[in-house]
């Protein structure tokens, strides 16, 4: 007799077990267009950790950190730290990771111009 792994509804029917959102996300991120759109949205967040976590998820979906390390020439352990919420990567590292994933970082104008007296 097989054991049910799903939940039973109030009407006595068994629902299939839910799929982990991360498993589904990683599957979607194998598609280059989906991955690029996901990273773009995450980059728009005010918290830079969101982008770093997302970049790590895209890397995991596309071969993992060992492959990323081979493709970028960056140390695997450093990549784990760099693409973590506490990461503080150099722009060169982010560029190398993106290039190895077939992407690049770009800048675009926003509708609200920065005042002429502002400094960066």
Protein backbone atom coordinates (compact mmCIF):
# COMPACT_ATOMS: atom_id res chain seq x y z
CA UNK A 1 0.00 0.00 0.00
CA UNK A 2 1.39 3.39 -1.00
CA UNK A 3 1.56 6.10 1.57
CA UNK A 4 0.02 9.47 0.69
CA UNK A 5 2.37 12.41 0.99
CA UNK A 6 -0.27 15.02 0.18
CA UNK A 7 -2.74 16.81 2.45
CA UNK A 8 -6.32 15.68 2.92
CA UNK A 9 -8.99 18.30 2.27
CA UNK A 10 -12.13 18.76 4.33
CA UNK A 11 -13.99 16.76 1.66
CA UNK A 12 -11.64 13.80 2.11
CA UNK A 13 -9.71 14.24 -1.16
CA UNK A 14 -5.95 14.05 -1.18
CA UNK A 15 -4.06 17.00 -2.63
CA UNK A 16 -0.69 16.41 -4.24
CA UNK A 17 2.28 17.60 -2.20
CA UNK A 18 3.29 21.17 -2.96
CA UNK A 19 6.39 21.92 -4.97
CA UNK A 20 9.06 24.01 -3.30
CA UNK A 21 9.01 27.55 -4.69
CA UNK A 22 12.81 27.45 -4.88
CA UNK A 23 12.79 24.28 -7.00
CA UNK A 24 10.32 25.92 -9.35
CA UNK A 25 12.30 29.16 -9.39
CA UNK A 26 15.59 27.39 -10.15
CA UNK A 27 13.92 25.57 -13.03
CA UNK A 28 12.61 28.88 -14.43
CA UNK A 29 16.03 30.52 -14.04
CA UNK A 30 17.57 28.05 -16.48
CA UNK A 31 15.88 30.11 -19.20
CA UNK A 32 18.23 33.03 -20.02
CA UNK A 33 15.37 35.48 -20.63
CA UNK A 34 13.70 34.58 -17.33
CA UNK A 35 17.01 34.85 -15.48
CA UNK A 36 17.77 38.26 -16.98
CA UNK A 37 14.30 39.59 -16.14
CA UNK A 38 14.57 38.24 -12.59
CA UNK A 39 17.96 39.85 -12.05
CA UNK A 40 16.77 43.15 -13.50
CA UNK A 41 13.83 43.30 -11.09
CA UNK A 42 16.04 42.32 -8.14
CA UNK A 43 18.60 44.99 -9.08
CA UNK A 44 15.86 47.63 -8.82
CA UNK A 45 15.37 46.81 -5.12
CA UNK A 46 16.89 49.34 -2.73
CA UNK A 47 18.61 46.55 -0.81
CA UNK A 48 21.67 45.35 -2.79
CA UNK A 49 21.53 41.99 -0.98
CA UNK A 50 18.43 41.12 -3.00
CA UNK A 51 20.45 41.25 -6.22
CA UNK A 52 23.34 39.24 -4.76
CA UNK A 53 21.01 36.49 -3.56
CA UNK A 54 19.27 36.44 -6.94
CA UNK A 55 22.59 36.22 -8.78
CA UNK A 56 23.50 33.25 -6.58
CA UNK A 57 20.17 31.60 -7.43
CA UNK A 58 20.78 32.09 -11.15
CA UNK A 59 24.25 30.59 -10.74
CA UNK A 60 22.84 27.55 -8.90
CA UNK A 61 20.22 27.07 -11.60
CA UNK A 62 22.86 27.14 -14.34
CA UNK A 63 25.43 24.64 -13.18
CA UNK A 64 26.28 25.73 -9.66
CA UNK A 65 29.20 27.46 -8.02
CA UNK A 66 31.86 24.94 -9.07
CA UNK A 67 31.08 25.55 -12.75
CA UNK A 68 30.81 29.30 -12.13
CA UNK A 69 34.24 29.22 -10.49
CA UNK A 70 35.76 27.44 -13.49
CA UNK A 71 34.12 29.82 -15.96
CA UNK A 72 35.08 33.00 -14.11
CA UNK A 73 38.43 32.04 -12.63
CA UNK A 74 37.13 33.20 -9.24
CA UNK A 75 37.55 31.10 -6.10
CA UNK A 76 34.44 28.99 -5.35
CA UNK A 77 34.45 29.76 -1.62
CA UNK A 78 34.77 33.46 -2.34
CA UNK A 79 31.86 33.22 -4.77
CA UNK A 80 29.68 31.73 -2.01
CA UNK A 81 30.57 34.65 0.27
CA UNK A 82 30.30 37.24 -2.49
CA UNK A 83 26.81 36.12 -3.56
CA UNK A 84 25.45 35.91 -0.02
CA UNK A 85 23.42 38.52 1.86
CA UNK A 86 26.65 39.67 3.54
CA UNK A 87 28.57 39.85 0.26
CA UNK A 88 30.33 42.98 -0.86
CA UNK A 89 31.58 42.15 -4.35
CA UNK A 90 33.80 44.22 -6.58
CA UNK A 91 32.18 45.36 -9.81
CA UNK A 92 34.72 43.21 -11.68
CA UNK A 93 33.46 40.10 -9.87
CA UNK A 94 29.82 40.89 -10.65
CA UNK A 95 30.78 41.49 -14.28
CA UNK A 96 32.67 38.19 -14.48
CA UNK A 97 29.74 36.27 -12.99
CA UNK A 98 27.24 37.92 -15.33
CA UNK A 99 29.44 37.31 -18.41
CA UNK A 100 29.81 33.64 -17.49
CA UNK A 101 26.00 33.45 -17.40
CA UNK A 102 25.72 35.17 -20.79
CA UNK A 103 24.62 38.54 -19.40
CA UNK A 104 26.02 41.99 -18.72
CA UNK A 105 25.33 44.84 -16.38
CA UNK A 106 23.87 47.95 -18.01
CA UNK A 107 22.59 51.37 -17.04
CA UNK A 108 19.51 53.14 -18.28
CA UNK A 109 18.06 56.59 -17.75
CA UNK A 110 15.18 57.04 -15.32
CA UNK A 111 12.23 59.35 -15.86
CA UNK A 112 13.06 61.48 -12.83
CA UNK A 113 16.36 63.27 -13.44
CA UNK A 114 18.77 63.79 -10.58
CA UNK A 115 19.08 67.46 -9.66
CA UNK A 116 22.15 69.20 -11.08
CA UNK A 117 23.50 69.90 -7.58
CA UNK A 118 23.52 66.23 -6.52
CA UNK A 119 26.76 64.35 -6.21
CA UNK A 120 27.37 60.65 -6.48
